[in-house]
Protein backbone atom coordinates (compact mmCIF):
# COMPACT_ATOMS: atom_id res chain seq x y z
CA MET A 1 -38.62 -70.70 53.96
CA LYS A 2 -35.49 -69.18 52.45
CA GLY A 3 -34.77 -65.49 52.83
CA LEU A 4 -31.87 -63.30 51.67
CA ILE A 5 -30.90 -61.50 54.85
CA MET A 6 -28.72 -58.41 55.38
CA PHE A 7 -27.56 -59.12 58.95
CA GLY A 8 -25.41 -56.01 59.39
CA ARG A 9 -24.64 -52.67 57.82
CA LYS A 10 -21.16 -53.50 56.48
CA ALA A 11 -20.30 -54.62 52.95
CA GLY A 12 -20.94 -58.30 52.24
CA MET A 13 -23.07 -58.95 55.33
CA VAL A 14 -25.69 -60.82 53.24
CA GLU A 15 -26.56 -64.47 53.12
CA LEU A 16 -29.38 -66.86 52.22
CA ARG A 17 -30.85 -68.30 55.46
CA GLU A 18 -33.70 -70.44 56.58
CA VAL A 19 -36.25 -68.10 58.18
CA PRO A 20 -39.77 -68.55 59.63
CA ARG A 21 -42.74 -68.02 57.33
CA PRO A 22 -44.38 -64.76 58.41
CA SER A 23 -47.54 -65.10 60.56
CA ILE A 24 -50.28 -62.49 60.09
CA LYS A 25 -52.68 -60.71 62.45
CA GLU A 26 -56.36 -60.03 61.86
CA ASP A 27 -55.68 -56.84 59.88
CA GLU A 28 -52.73 -58.07 57.79
CA VAL A 29 -52.19 -59.75 54.41
CA LEU A 30 -49.66 -62.45 53.46
CA ILE A 31 -48.31 -62.55 49.93
CA GLN A 32 -46.57 -65.43 48.22
CA VAL A 33 -43.80 -63.73 46.25
CA GLN A 34 -43.81 -64.70 42.59
CA ALA A 35 -41.12 -62.37 41.32
CA ALA A 36 -38.76 -59.83 42.90
CA GLY A 37 -36.58 -57.38 40.99
CA ILE A 38 -33.06 -56.53 42.02
CA CYS A 39 -32.66 -52.76 42.46
CA GLY A 40 -29.44 -50.80 42.42
CA THR A 41 -30.16 -49.92 46.02
CA ASP A 42 -30.00 -53.63 46.91
CA ILE A 43 -26.50 -53.70 45.39
CA ASP A 44 -25.59 -50.56 47.34
CA PHE A 45 -26.70 -52.26 50.59
CA TYR A 46 -24.60 -55.26 49.70
CA LEU A 47 -21.61 -52.97 49.13
CA GLY A 48 -22.17 -51.21 52.46
CA LYS A 49 -23.62 -48.00 50.95
CA ASN A 50 -26.65 -46.10 52.26
CA ALA A 51 -26.50 -48.29 55.35
CA HIS A 52 -28.44 -45.72 57.39
CA LEU A 53 -31.55 -46.83 55.58
CA LEU A 54 -31.22 -50.41 56.82
CA ASN A 55 -32.76 -52.00 59.91
CA PRO A 56 -30.77 -55.24 60.14
CA PRO A 57 -31.24 -58.06 60.36
CA VAL A 58 -33.71 -57.62 57.50
CA ILE A 59 -34.74 -59.57 54.43
CA LEU A 60 -33.88 -57.50 51.34
CA GLY A 61 -36.06 -56.99 48.25
CA HIS A 62 -38.48 -54.11 47.68
CA GLU A 63 -39.55 -54.54 44.02
CA PHE A 64 -42.00 -57.43 43.92
CA SER A 65 -45.28 -58.94 42.89
CA GLY A 66 -47.17 -61.94 44.07
CA ARG A 67 -50.38 -63.60 45.00
CA ILE A 68 -52.39 -63.15 48.25
CA VAL A 69 -52.48 -66.45 50.04
CA GLU A 70 -53.82 -65.45 53.44
CA ILE A 71 -55.87 -62.55 54.83
CA GLY A 72 -56.74 -61.53 58.36
CA SER A 73 -60.31 -61.73 59.63
CA LYS A 74 -60.72 -57.92 59.51
CA ILE A 75 -59.51 -57.57 55.90
CA LYS A 76 -62.43 -56.43 53.70
CA TYR A 77 -61.00 -55.25 50.42
CA TRP A 78 -58.69 -58.10 49.45
CA GLN A 79 -59.24 -61.76 48.72
CA GLU A 80 -57.08 -64.83 48.66
CA GLY A 81 -55.78 -65.62 45.22
CA GLU A 82 -55.65 -62.00 43.98
CA ARG A 83 -52.53 -60.97 42.04
CA VAL A 84 -50.90 -57.85 43.46
CA VAL A 85 -47.93 -55.52 43.21
CA SER A 86 -46.63 -53.47 46.13
CA ASP A 87 -45.32 -49.94 46.32
CA ASN A 88 -42.94 -51.24 49.07
CA THR A 89 -44.34 -49.02 51.89
CA GLY A 90 -44.14 -51.17 55.01
CA TRP A 91 -44.97 -48.69 57.73
CA ILE A 92 -45.86 -45.00 58.05
CA CYS A 93 -46.56 -42.85 61.13
CA GLY A 94 -49.94 -41.59 59.90
CA HIS A 95 -49.81 -38.19 61.65
CA CYS A 96 -46.94 -36.18 60.10
CA LEU A 97 -47.45 -33.46 57.46
CA TYR A 98 -46.73 -35.88 54.63
CA CYS A 99 -49.03 -38.64 55.83
CA LEU A 100 -51.86 -36.22 56.55
CA THR A 101 -51.57 -34.75 53.06
CA GLY A 102 -51.40 -38.05 51.27
CA ARG A 103 -47.68 -37.98 50.48
CA TYR A 104 -46.90 -41.20 52.37
CA THR A 105 -43.59 -42.02 50.74
CA LEU A 106 -42.12 -38.81 52.24
CA CYS A 107 -43.04 -39.75 55.75
CA GLU A 108 -39.80 -39.21 57.76
CA SER A 109 -40.58 -42.27 59.86
CA ARG A 110 -41.50 -44.48 56.88
CA LYS A 111 -40.14 -47.97 56.85
CA GLY A 112 -39.74 -49.49 53.42
CA ILE A 113 -40.27 -53.18 52.73
CA GLY A 114 -36.87 -54.71 52.00
CA TYR A 115 -34.75 -52.39 54.16
CA GLY A 116 -36.84 -51.02 57.02
CA ILE A 117 -38.81 -54.23 57.51
CA ASP A 118 -38.58 -57.71 55.97
CA GLY A 119 -38.80 -57.78 52.22
CA ALA A 120 -39.47 -59.91 49.19
CA PHE A 121 -36.27 -61.86 48.58
CA ALA A 122 -38.10 -64.69 50.27
CA GLU A 123 -41.06 -67.00 49.51
CA TYR A 124 -43.53 -64.90 51.54
CA VAL A 125 -43.83 -61.31 52.64
CA LYS A 126 -46.55 -59.71 54.78
CA ILE A 127 -48.21 -56.34 54.52
CA GLY A 128 -48.87 -54.83 57.96
CA GLY A 129 -52.19 -53.71 59.27
CA ASP A 130 -51.12 -50.16 60.15
CA VAL A 131 -50.09 -49.28 56.65
CA LEU A 132 -53.07 -51.04 55.04
CA LYS A 133 -55.43 -48.94 57.23
CA GLN A 134 -53.69 -45.61 56.76
CA PHE A 135 -52.51 -46.10 53.12
CA PRO A 136 -54.59 -48.73 51.34
CA GLY A 137 -52.84 -47.76 48.04
CA CYS A 138 -49.65 -49.50 49.30
CA LEU A 139 -51.05 -52.67 47.64
CA ILE A 140 -52.34 -52.59 44.07
CA LYS A 141 -54.27 -55.15 42.09
CA LEU A 142 -52.32 -56.38 39.15
CA PRO A 143 -53.89 -55.93 35.69
CA GLU A 144 -54.53 -59.06 33.63
CA GLY A 145 -52.09 -59.62 30.83
CA ILE A 146 -48.91 -58.62 32.64
CA SER A 147 -46.68 -61.31 34.07
CA PHE A 148 -45.41 -61.38 37.64
CA GLU A 149 -41.90 -60.78 36.32
CA GLU A 150 -42.95 -57.61 34.51
CA ALA A 151 -44.97 -56.42 37.48
CA ALA A 152 -41.98 -56.87 39.77
CA ILE A 153 -40.28 -53.97 37.99
CA MET A 154 -43.22 -51.60 37.88
CA GLU A 155 -41.86 -49.75 40.91
CA PRO A 156 -38.89 -48.20 39.03
CA ALA A 157 -41.28 -47.35 36.17
CA CYS A 158 -43.35 -45.40 38.72
CA ASN A 159 -40.20 -43.70 39.98
CA SER A 160 -39.44 -42.61 36.40
CA TYR A 161 -42.99 -41.43 35.74
CA LYS A 162 -42.87 -39.12 38.71
CA ALA A 163 -39.49 -37.71 37.67
CA VAL A 164 -40.33 -37.13 34.05
CA VAL A 165 -44.03 -36.17 34.13
CA GLN A 166 -44.81 -34.96 37.70
CA GLU A 167 -41.52 -33.18 38.41
CA ALA A 168 -39.85 -32.31 35.10
CA HIS A 169 -43.26 -31.72 33.44
CA VAL A 170 -41.96 -32.89 30.07
CA GLN A 171 -44.28 -31.60 27.32
CA PRO A 172 -44.78 -32.70 23.70
CA GLY A 173 -42.03 -31.34 21.49
CA GLU A 174 -39.47 -30.79 24.24
CA LYS A 175 -35.90 -32.11 24.13
CA VAL A 176 -34.61 -34.28 26.93
CA ALA A 177 -31.16 -35.53 27.97
CA ILE A 178 -30.93 -38.51 30.26
CA PHE A 179 -27.62 -39.33 32.01
CA GLY A 180 -27.35 -42.99 33.04
CA PRO A 181 -28.81 -45.89 30.95
CA GLY A 182 -29.64 -48.08 33.95
CA PRO A 183 -33.17 -49.27 34.68
CA ILE A 184 -34.36 -45.86 35.92
CA GLY A 185 -32.79 -44.00 33.02
CA LEU A 186 -34.27 -46.45 30.52
CA PHE A 187 -37.72 -46.16 32.06
CA CYS A 188 -37.33 -42.33 32.01
CA LEU A 189 -36.56 -42.66 28.31
CA GLN A 190 -39.79 -44.65 27.76
CA ILE A 191 -41.86 -42.18 29.76
CA ALA A 192 -40.35 -39.15 28.04
CA LYS A 193 -41.21 -40.73 24.69
CA ILE A 194 -44.79 -41.41 25.79
CA ALA A 195 -44.98 -37.76 27.01
CA GLY A 196 -44.15 -36.62 23.55
CA ALA A 197 -40.54 -35.50 23.77
CA ALA A 198 -39.29 -34.63 20.29
CA ARG A 199 -35.69 -35.65 20.95
CA ILE A 200 -34.26 -37.87 23.66
CA ILE A 201 -30.49 -38.25 24.14
CA VAL A 202 -29.10 -40.89 26.50
CA ILE A 203 -25.59 -40.61 27.90
CA GLY A 204 -23.64 -43.53 29.40
CA ILE A 205 -19.99 -44.43 30.01
CA LYS A 206 -17.64 -47.28 29.24
CA GLY A 207 -19.33 -50.59 30.11
CA ASP A 208 -22.74 -49.30 29.19
CA GLU A 209 -22.59 -50.46 25.56
CA GLN A 210 -25.36 -53.05 26.03
CA ARG A 211 -27.57 -50.60 27.82
CA LEU A 212 -27.00 -47.84 25.26
CA LYS A 213 -27.91 -50.30 22.51
CA LEU A 214 -31.16 -51.01 24.35
CA ALA A 215 -31.74 -47.27 24.78
CA LYS A 216 -31.57 -46.92 20.94
CA GLU A 217 -34.00 -49.79 20.53
CA LEU A 218 -36.41 -48.19 23.06
CA GLY A 219 -36.52 -44.98 21.10
CA ALA A 220 -33.56 -42.77 22.02
CA THR A 221 -32.78 -40.24 19.24
CA ARG A 222 -29.10 -40.37 20.08
CA VAL A 223 -26.85 -42.25 22.45
CA VAL A 224 -23.57 -40.97 23.71
CA ASN A 225 -20.69 -42.79 25.36
CA GLY A 226 -19.32 -40.13 27.68
CA ASP A 227 -15.89 -41.82 27.99
CA GLU A 228 -15.37 -41.64 24.22
CA GLU A 229 -17.18 -38.41 23.33
CA ASP A 230 -17.73 -35.09 25.10
CA PRO A 231 -21.34 -35.20 26.25
CA VAL A 232 -21.76 -31.42 26.11
CA GLU A 233 -20.39 -31.11 22.59
CA GLU A 234 -22.35 -34.12 21.33
CA ILE A 235 -25.69 -32.99 22.84
CA LEU A 236 -25.31 -29.48 21.47
CA SER A 237 -24.31 -30.88 18.09
CA ALA A 238 -27.28 -33.23 18.09
CA ASN A 239 -29.55 -30.19 18.74
CA ASN A 240 -28.08 -27.94 16.05
CA GLY A 241 -26.29 -25.91 18.73
CA LYS A 242 -29.36 -25.45 20.88
CA LYS A 243 -29.76 -26.62 24.44
CA VAL A 244 -32.25 -29.11 25.83
CA ASP A 245 -35.32 -28.33 27.94
CA VAL A 246 -34.87 -31.04 30.55
CA VAL A 247 -31.97 -33.05 32.00
CA ILE A 248 -32.55 -36.21 34.05
CA ASP A 249 -29.62 -37.29 36.19
CA ALA A 250 -30.00 -41.05 36.67
CA ALA A 251 -26.22 -41.50 36.90
CA GLY A 252 -25.09 -39.73 40.04
CA PRO A 253 -21.53 -38.37 39.74
CA PRO A 254 -21.22 -34.60 40.43
CA VAL A 255 -19.82 -34.01 36.96
CA VAL A 256 -23.31 -34.75 35.59
CA ILE A 257 -24.77 -31.65 37.28
CA LYS A 258 -21.93 -29.56 35.84
CA GLN A 259 -22.63 -30.91 32.37
CA ALA A 260 -26.39 -30.51 32.87
CA VAL A 261 -26.01 -26.82 33.62
CA GLU A 262 -24.07 -26.42 30.33
CA ILE A 263 -26.60 -28.15 28.16
CA VAL A 264 -29.95 -27.05 29.57
CA ARG A 265 -31.66 -23.90 28.30
CA ARG A 266 -32.55 -20.90 30.45
CA GLU A 267 -35.49 -21.81 32.68
CA GLY A 268 -34.73 -25.45 32.00
CA ARG A 269 -35.32 -28.19 34.49
CA ILE A 270 -32.77 -30.60 36.00
CA ILE A 271 -34.07 -33.57 38.00
CA LYS A 272 -31.54 -35.46 40.11
CA ILE A 273 -32.57 -39.03 40.76
CA ALA A 274 -29.29 -40.85 41.35
CA TRP A 275 -27.28 -40.76 44.57
CA SER A 276 -23.64 -39.88 45.03
CA SER A 277 -21.43 -39.51 48.08
CA GLN A 278 -19.07 -37.26 46.20
CA ALA A 279 -19.11 -33.48 46.88
CA LEU A 280 -20.35 -31.13 44.19
CA ASP A 281 -17.65 -28.56 43.40
CA MET A 282 -19.30 -25.79 41.40
CA SER A 283 -20.82 -22.39 41.85
CA LEU A 284 -24.57 -22.32 42.19
CA ASP A 285 -24.51 -18.91 40.56
CA LEU A 286 -24.90 -20.81 37.29
CA LEU A 287 -28.35 -21.87 38.45
CA VAL A 288 -29.25 -18.26 39.21
CA ALA A 289 -27.85 -16.92 35.92
CA GLY A 290 -29.84 -19.43 33.92
CA ALA A 291 -32.98 -19.26 36.08
CA LEU A 292 -32.73 -23.03 36.28
CA THR A 293 -34.70 -25.48 38.41
CA LEU A 294 -32.66 -28.16 40.12
CA ARG A 295 -34.89 -30.63 41.92
CA GLY A 296 -34.12 -33.70 43.97
CA HIS A 297 -36.30 -36.69 43.20
CA TRP A 298 -37.67 -39.21 45.72
CA GLY A 299 -39.84 -42.21 44.88
CA TYR A 300 -43.38 -41.87 43.60
CA ASP A 301 -46.92 -41.30 44.86
CA TYR A 302 -50.26 -42.98 44.32
CA LEU A 303 -50.89 -40.91 41.18
CA SER A 304 -47.64 -42.26 39.71
CA TRP A 305 -48.89 -45.80 40.24
CA LEU A 306 -52.35 -45.11 38.74
CA ARG A 307 -50.89 -43.57 35.62
CA VAL A 308 -48.30 -46.34 35.13
CA LEU A 309 -51.00 -48.94 35.63
CA ASN A 310 -53.03 -47.25 32.87
CA LEU A 311 -50.03 -47.27 30.58
CA THR A 312 -49.29 -50.88 31.50
CA ARG A 313 -52.82 -51.98 30.62
CA GLU A 314 -52.45 -50.34 27.20
CA LYS A 315 -49.05 -51.99 26.60
CA ARG A 316 -47.34 -48.64 26.34
CA ILE A 317 -44.37 -49.55 28.54
CA ASP A 318 -41.89 -52.23 27.46
CA TYR A 319 -40.97 -54.27 30.55
CA LYS A 320 -39.80 -57.41 28.77
CA SER A 321 -36.83 -55.76 27.06
CA MET A 322 -35.69 -54.50 30.45
CA ILE A 323 -35.44 -57.94 31.99
CA SER A 324 -32.11 -59.51 31.14
CA GLU A 325 -32.65 -62.67 33.08
CA VAL A 326 -34.93 -64.46 35.63
CA LEU A 327 -33.05 -66.55 38.17
CA PRO A 328 -33.95 -68.53 41.30
CA LEU A 329 -33.25 -66.88 44.64
CA SER A 330 -30.43 -69.42 45.24
CA LYS A 331 -28.41 -67.67 42.48
CA TRP A 332 -28.64 -64.25 44.09
CA GLU A 333 -24.83 -63.81 44.26
CA GLN A 334 -24.51 -64.39 40.49
CA ALA A 335 -27.33 -61.98 39.86
CA PHE A 336 -25.90 -59.29 42.12
CA GLN A 337 -22.52 -59.58 40.44
CA LYS A 338 -23.93 -59.22 36.95
CA ILE A 339 -25.79 -56.09 37.89
CA LYS A 340 -22.81 -54.68 39.79
CA GLU A 341 -20.66 -55.13 36.65
CA ARG A 342 -23.44 -53.72 34.40
CA ARG A 343 -23.68 -57.03 32.51
CA ALA A 344 -27.44 -56.96 32.89
CA VAL A 345 -30.14 -54.26 32.89
CA LYS A 346 -32.63 -55.86 35.24
CA ILE A 347 -32.60 -59.33 36.85
CA VAL A 348 -35.66 -60.74 38.50
CA LEU A 349 -35.47 -63.39 41.22
CA ASN A 350 -37.98 -66.16 41.65
CA PRO A 351 -38.02 -67.15 45.37
CA GLY A 352 -40.19 -70.19 44.66
CA GLU A 353 -37.58 -71.95 42.51
CA ASP A 354 -34.41 -73.74 43.57
């Protein structure tokens, strides 16, 4: 089978290779990948960023859905032919504080599918017996009525649900500002709208015109191009001079945190999702003076998946508008380039097509 392999930790060390089809043990499951979403993290790996997370050589791809085609003799709860989506947990230790308290994605030894162990930019991917035994929720049955392509991008929707609902605790009537109209930011917009936010302002930069347009279509009250307008002035103006309750940083640059502190009310909440290697040059006294909460976000948990599955069944989340294109795995370079240049929101690869 073909697999998109990152064979080193330096930029550009990625190529499509012929690789063996995974063989499974008695307690493992083999999935035929039907669709795999390209994440910004995949682009970072390709560019040589966050290389410490990688375990090369490794097949990339951690957002995926597929169909079970083979099960081990000891597998009791899954059947061949079932449609599934994965939370991308490939291995956990099972005995640390986080594993023992059900917070598996925080396990410090966790290996994620698509960077710690072989992932889904290939025709087949296997789910290991250790993780299935310790964390059965790593694999989730796919509701009827949602396509494999849509299911492949449920993982970032779960990320956004945890940030907006479980961490920021957005309540009906609150005002929310979201920096960064990428996939996570746009899913945060959708979840904030579902949560009942009265006003949602999305801030982008030059090159984000297409994404800001989509943000408006998805329900943003106001969109701001931060390279043409002052985000702080525009947000305060849009709120009649008042500050917002919650800021979601799905962009990354340190300036976002500085702006967030200026636009969030006292006792407001700032959730930082996006990464940045740049140093933050500001006094944290502003957090103290405003009694602000600044929280780093990581991933999701099983509750995030359950809630997003419920919303998905009820057609409350728009996945189709988020998918700019579906391409065969052989066109991965074209897809990576489009996302890198922000010419697409989300591209899904189909490993089964040439």
